[in-house]
N, C-alpha and C. Protein backbone atom coordinates (compact mmCIF):
# COMPACT_ATOMS: atom_id res chain seq x y z
N MET A 1 20.32 -68.27 63.97
CA MET A 1 21.20 -69.06 64.80
C MET A 1 21.22 -68.55 66.25
N LEU A 2 20.96 -67.28 66.44
CA LEU A 2 20.99 -66.73 67.79
C LEU A 2 19.86 -67.25 68.66
N ARG A 3 18.78 -67.73 68.07
CA ARG A 3 17.65 -68.22 68.84
C ARG A 3 17.82 -69.67 69.26
N LEU A 4 18.89 -70.31 68.81
CA LEU A 4 19.12 -71.71 69.17
C LEU A 4 19.62 -71.83 70.60
N ALA A 5 19.30 -72.94 71.23
CA ALA A 5 19.77 -73.21 72.58
C ALA A 5 21.30 -73.21 72.60
N PRO A 6 21.90 -72.79 73.71
CA PRO A 6 23.37 -72.73 73.78
C PRO A 6 24.06 -74.06 73.44
N GLY A 7 23.48 -75.17 73.85
CA GLY A 7 24.09 -76.47 73.55
C GLY A 7 24.15 -76.75 72.07
N ILE A 8 23.14 -76.31 71.33
CA ILE A 8 23.13 -76.51 69.88
C ILE A 8 24.15 -75.61 69.22
N ARG A 9 24.21 -74.34 69.65
CA ARG A 9 25.21 -73.43 69.07
C ARG A 9 26.61 -73.94 69.33
N GLU A 10 26.86 -74.42 70.55
CA GLU A 10 28.18 -74.94 70.89
C GLU A 10 28.52 -76.15 70.03
N TYR A 11 27.57 -77.04 69.85
CA TYR A 11 27.79 -78.22 69.02
C TYR A 11 28.16 -77.82 67.60
N ASN A 12 27.42 -76.85 67.04
CA ASN A 12 27.69 -76.40 65.68
C ASN A 12 29.09 -75.81 65.54
N ILE A 13 29.50 -75.02 66.50
CA ILE A 13 30.83 -74.40 66.44
C ILE A 13 31.93 -75.44 66.62
N LEU A 14 31.77 -76.33 67.59
CA LEU A 14 32.80 -77.32 67.86
C LEU A 14 32.90 -78.40 66.79
N SER A 15 31.82 -78.64 66.08
CA SER A 15 31.84 -79.70 65.08
C SER A 15 32.15 -79.21 63.68
N MET A 16 32.46 -77.92 63.54
CA MET A 16 32.78 -77.39 62.22
C MET A 16 34.06 -78.03 61.71
N PRO A 17 34.06 -78.49 60.47
CA PRO A 17 35.27 -79.10 59.91
C PRO A 17 36.36 -78.07 59.66
N ASN A 18 37.60 -78.53 59.69
CA ASN A 18 38.73 -77.64 59.43
C ASN A 18 38.83 -77.29 57.95
N THR A 19 38.30 -78.14 57.09
CA THR A 19 38.35 -77.87 55.66
C THR A 19 37.02 -77.30 55.21
N VAL A 20 37.02 -76.75 54.02
CA VAL A 20 35.80 -76.17 53.47
C VAL A 20 35.01 -77.29 52.81
N GLN A 21 33.90 -77.65 53.44
CA GLN A 21 33.00 -78.65 52.88
C GLN A 21 31.61 -78.42 53.43
N GLN A 22 30.65 -79.09 52.87
CA GLN A 22 29.27 -78.89 53.30
C GLN A 22 29.09 -79.46 54.70
N PRO A 23 28.55 -78.66 55.65
CA PRO A 23 28.36 -79.15 57.01
C PRO A 23 27.29 -80.24 57.05
N ALA A 24 27.39 -81.12 58.05
CA ALA A 24 26.44 -82.21 58.21
C ALA A 24 25.04 -81.67 58.52
N ILE A 25 24.97 -80.61 59.31
CA ILE A 25 23.69 -80.00 59.66
C ILE A 25 23.72 -78.55 59.20
N SER A 26 22.84 -78.21 58.27
CA SER A 26 22.85 -76.87 57.69
C SER A 26 21.93 -75.93 58.45
N GLU A 27 22.08 -74.65 58.17
CA GLU A 27 21.21 -73.64 58.78
C GLU A 27 19.76 -73.85 58.34
N ARG A 28 19.59 -74.32 57.14
CA ARG A 28 18.24 -74.58 56.63
C ARG A 28 17.51 -75.62 57.48
N VAL A 29 18.23 -76.62 57.94
CA VAL A 29 17.64 -77.66 58.78
C VAL A 29 17.40 -77.13 60.20
N LEU A 30 18.23 -76.22 60.66
CA LEU A 30 18.11 -75.68 62.01
C LEU A 30 17.02 -74.62 62.16
N CYS A 31 16.60 -74.00 61.07
CA CYS A 31 15.60 -72.93 61.15
C CYS A 31 14.32 -73.35 61.88
N PRO A 32 13.72 -74.50 61.56
CA PRO A 32 12.51 -74.87 62.29
C PRO A 32 12.75 -75.08 63.79
N ILE A 33 13.92 -75.57 64.13
CA ILE A 33 14.25 -75.78 65.55
C ILE A 33 14.41 -74.43 66.24
N ALA A 34 14.96 -73.46 65.54
CA ALA A 34 15.14 -72.13 66.13
C ALA A 34 13.81 -71.45 66.43
N GLN A 35 12.75 -71.87 65.78
CA GLN A 35 11.43 -71.28 66.02
C GLN A 35 10.81 -71.77 67.33
N ILE A 36 11.34 -72.83 67.89
CA ILE A 36 10.84 -73.37 69.16
C ILE A 36 11.37 -72.49 70.29
N GLU A 37 10.49 -72.03 71.15
CA GLU A 37 10.87 -71.12 72.24
C GLU A 37 11.63 -71.82 73.36
N ASP A 38 11.24 -73.02 73.73
CA ASP A 38 11.82 -73.73 74.87
C ASP A 38 13.15 -74.37 74.48
N PRO A 39 14.26 -73.98 75.13
CA PRO A 39 15.57 -74.56 74.80
C PRO A 39 15.62 -76.08 74.98
N ASN A 40 14.90 -76.61 75.94
CA ASN A 40 14.89 -78.07 76.13
C ASN A 40 14.21 -78.77 74.96
N GLN A 41 13.14 -78.18 74.44
CA GLN A 41 12.47 -78.74 73.28
C GLN A 41 13.35 -78.62 72.04
N GLN A 42 14.11 -77.52 71.96
CA GLN A 42 15.05 -77.37 70.85
C GLN A 42 16.08 -78.50 70.88
N LEU A 43 16.61 -78.78 72.06
CA LEU A 43 17.61 -79.84 72.18
C LEU A 43 17.03 -81.19 71.78
N LEU A 44 15.79 -81.46 72.15
CA LEU A 44 15.15 -82.71 71.75
C LEU A 44 15.04 -82.79 70.23
N GLY A 45 14.63 -81.71 69.61
CA GLY A 45 14.54 -81.68 68.15
C GLY A 45 15.89 -81.83 67.49
N PHE A 46 16.90 -81.20 68.05
CA PHE A 46 18.24 -81.29 67.51
C PHE A 46 18.81 -82.69 67.63
N ARG A 47 18.58 -83.33 68.76
CA ARG A 47 19.06 -84.70 68.95
C ARG A 47 18.41 -85.65 67.94
N GLY A 48 17.20 -85.33 67.52
CA GLY A 48 16.55 -86.13 66.49
C GLY A 48 17.24 -86.01 65.14
N LEU A 49 17.93 -84.91 64.91
CA LEU A 49 18.65 -84.70 63.65
C LEU A 49 20.00 -85.39 63.65
N SER A 50 20.65 -85.38 64.81
CA SER A 50 22.03 -85.85 64.88
C SER A 50 22.21 -86.81 66.05
N PRO A 51 22.36 -88.11 65.78
CA PRO A 51 22.54 -89.06 66.87
C PRO A 51 23.82 -88.84 67.67
N THR A 52 24.78 -88.08 67.11
CA THR A 52 26.04 -87.83 67.83
C THR A 52 25.98 -86.55 68.66
N ALA A 53 24.88 -85.82 68.60
CA ALA A 53 24.74 -84.57 69.33
C ALA A 53 24.32 -84.89 70.76
N ASP A 54 25.27 -84.83 71.68
CA ASP A 54 24.98 -85.17 73.06
C ASP A 54 24.93 -83.95 73.97
N SER A 55 25.05 -82.74 73.42
CA SER A 55 25.03 -81.52 74.24
C SER A 55 23.63 -81.15 74.63
C-alpha cells in the first residue's frame, strides 16, 4: 500500500466504511497497480477499477 500514489491511498482511507464489511476495492486488486512506478499511471489504472474514484 505504501507504493500507491497519494491520491489512491487517500481515496482508500476516506472511503472506508464505518462498519465491518468487505471493502469495494481490496488490497489484492491494488497490488498490480502498486507495481507501477509512475503515480500518474497508477491513478489511471485505479480509475479503471472505480468509476467513483476522482482523486
